[in-house]
Protein backbone atom coordinates (compact mmCIF):
# COMPACT_ATOMS: atom_id res chain seq x y z
CA GLN A 1 113.28 -55.35 28.68
CA VAL A 2 114.42 -51.61 27.66
CA GLN A 3 116.03 -52.18 23.98
CA LEU A 4 118.27 -49.50 22.81
CA GLU A 5 119.12 -49.27 18.61
CA GLU A 6 122.00 -46.94 17.16
CA SER A 7 122.10 -45.34 14.15
CA GLY A 8 123.76 -43.12 11.59
CA GLY A 9 127.60 -43.76 12.32
CA GLY A 10 129.73 -44.18 9.15
CA LEU A 11 132.73 -42.77 7.13
CA VAL A 12 133.13 -39.25 7.06
CA GLN A 13 136.07 -37.02 6.15
CA ALA A 14 137.64 -34.53 8.39
CA GLY A 15 135.24 -31.71 8.89
CA GLY A 16 132.70 -33.12 8.16
CA SER A 17 129.07 -34.48 9.82
CA LEU A 18 126.88 -37.17 11.40
CA LYS A 19 123.69 -37.42 13.30
CA LEU A 20 124.02 -40.51 15.58
CA SER A 21 120.22 -41.56 16.44
CA CYS A 22 119.43 -43.97 19.19
CA ALA A 23 115.89 -45.21 19.37
CA VAL A 24 114.56 -46.77 22.67
CA SER A 25 112.10 -49.46 23.06
CA GLY A 26 110.23 -51.65 25.55
CA SER A 27 107.00 -50.77 28.18
CA ASP A 28 105.95 -49.48 31.16
CA PHE A 29 108.87 -47.41 31.43
CA GLU A 30 110.39 -43.54 31.48
CA LEU A 31 113.70 -42.34 30.86
CA THR A 32 115.84 -39.98 32.94
CA THR A 33 119.12 -39.68 31.58
CA MET A 34 120.21 -40.14 27.79
CA ALA A 35 123.97 -40.07 27.02
CA TRP A 36 126.28 -40.97 24.39
CA TYR A 37 129.52 -42.67 25.08
CA ARG A 38 132.85 -43.72 22.73
CA GLN A 39 135.14 -46.23 22.91
CA GLY A 40 138.15 -45.40 20.15
CA PRO A 41 140.75 -48.15 19.00
CA GLY A 42 142.71 -49.21 22.49
CA ARG A 43 141.25 -46.42 24.56
CA GLN A 44 138.36 -46.72 27.40
CA ARG A 45 135.05 -45.50 26.85
CA GLU A 46 134.33 -41.92 27.73
CA MET A 47 130.93 -40.38 27.95
CA VAL A 48 130.57 -37.71 25.30
CA ALA A 49 127.00 -35.83 26.32
CA VAL A 50 124.59 -36.36 28.09
CA ILE A 51 121.10 -34.84 28.55
CA THR A 52 118.91 -35.30 31.28
CA ASP A 53 114.82 -35.40 31.55
CA SER A 54 114.52 -31.85 32.12
CA SER A 55 117.06 -31.25 28.91
CA ASN A 56 119.67 -29.77 30.77
CA THR A 57 123.40 -30.78 28.71
CA ASN A 58 126.68 -31.20 29.83
CA TYR A 59 129.47 -32.26 27.22
CA ALA A 60 133.30 -33.42 27.44
CA HIS A 61 135.66 -31.18 27.09
CA PHE A 62 136.99 -32.69 23.59
CA VAL A 63 133.98 -31.61 22.44
CA GLU A 64 134.61 -27.73 22.41
CA GLY A 65 131.20 -27.09 20.93
CA ARG A 66 131.00 -29.22 18.04
CA PHE A 67 128.44 -31.78 19.02
CA THR A 68 124.89 -31.31 19.84
CA ILE A 69 122.94 -33.34 22.33
CA SER A 70 119.15 -33.45 21.78
CA ARG A 71 116.44 -35.38 22.41
CA ASP A 72 112.65 -36.89 21.61
CA THR A 73 110.36 -37.83 25.08
CA VAL A 74 107.62 -38.83 22.63
CA ARG A 75 109.52 -41.79 20.47
CA PRO A 76 111.84 -41.78 22.61
CA THR A 77 114.91 -41.53 20.99
CA ALA A 78 118.42 -39.48 21.55
CA TYR A 79 120.32 -37.68 18.90
CA LEU A 80 124.16 -36.74 18.63
CA GLN A 81 124.43 -33.81 16.06
CA MET A 82 128.23 -34.02 15.45
CA THR A 83 130.27 -31.34 12.95
CA SER A 84 133.45 -30.72 12.66
CA LEU A 85 134.85 -34.27 13.03
CA LYS A 86 138.40 -34.48 13.86
CA PRO A 87 140.31 -38.28 12.73
CA GLU A 88 140.47 -38.33 16.44
CA ASP A 89 136.77 -38.37 17.30
CA THR A 90 136.92 -42.19 15.10
CA ALA A 91 135.57 -44.51 17.67
CA VAL A 92 132.37 -46.68 18.54
CA TYR A 93 129.50 -44.32 19.65
CA LEU A 94 127.66 -46.16 22.21
CA CYS A 95 123.88 -44.99 23.24
CA ASN A 96 123.58 -45.43 27.41
CA VAL A 97 120.13 -44.90 29.05
CA ILE A 98 119.25 -45.06 32.70
CA GLY A 99 115.34 -44.84 33.83
CA THR A 100 112.75 -47.13 36.06
CA GLN A 101 110.82 -49.91 34.11
CA GLY A 102 107.60 -51.71 36.81
CA GLY A 103 108.96 -49.38 38.89
CA TRP A 104 112.56 -50.67 39.34
CA SER A 105 115.21 -48.55 38.19
CA PHE A 106 117.60 -49.72 35.00
CA GLY A 107 120.89 -48.77 33.00
CA SER A 108 120.81 -50.16 29.16
CA TRP A 109 123.65 -49.70 26.53
CA GLY A 110 123.10 -49.85 22.62
CA GLN A 111 125.44 -52.02 20.82
CA GLY A 112 127.27 -48.74 19.15
CA THR A 113 127.44 -47.18 15.98
CA GLN A 114 131.22 -47.28 14.37
CA VAL A 115 132.07 -43.34 13.49
CA THR A 116 135.14 -43.26 11.39
CA VAL A 117 137.05 -40.09 10.22
CA SER A 118 139.37 -40.12 7.70
CA SER A 119 141.95 -37.10 7.51
């Protein structure tokens, strides 16, 4: 069983920065895609950023160059550096990974970390 633990959320003023981390633990697994999603109050979950095992990245349109996703393949951990935060970025940010474990494909979600941006 692969487990994800997010950290780095918190309260920040508009224009500020935060860096989220998603640490993945377990045995005998390989990760392909690591991604960050978010779910704001009363809103549907939406993709924020994705990074593949080849380090190709893709971002949601609302990121507008403010966020950067990266990954550490040794640990393994995914990061989301967020800058120029806006009140509308307030949401629970969730990590999602896709990979294989023991020859079987899997997808897993973390519990999420709260990001609150004050105006």
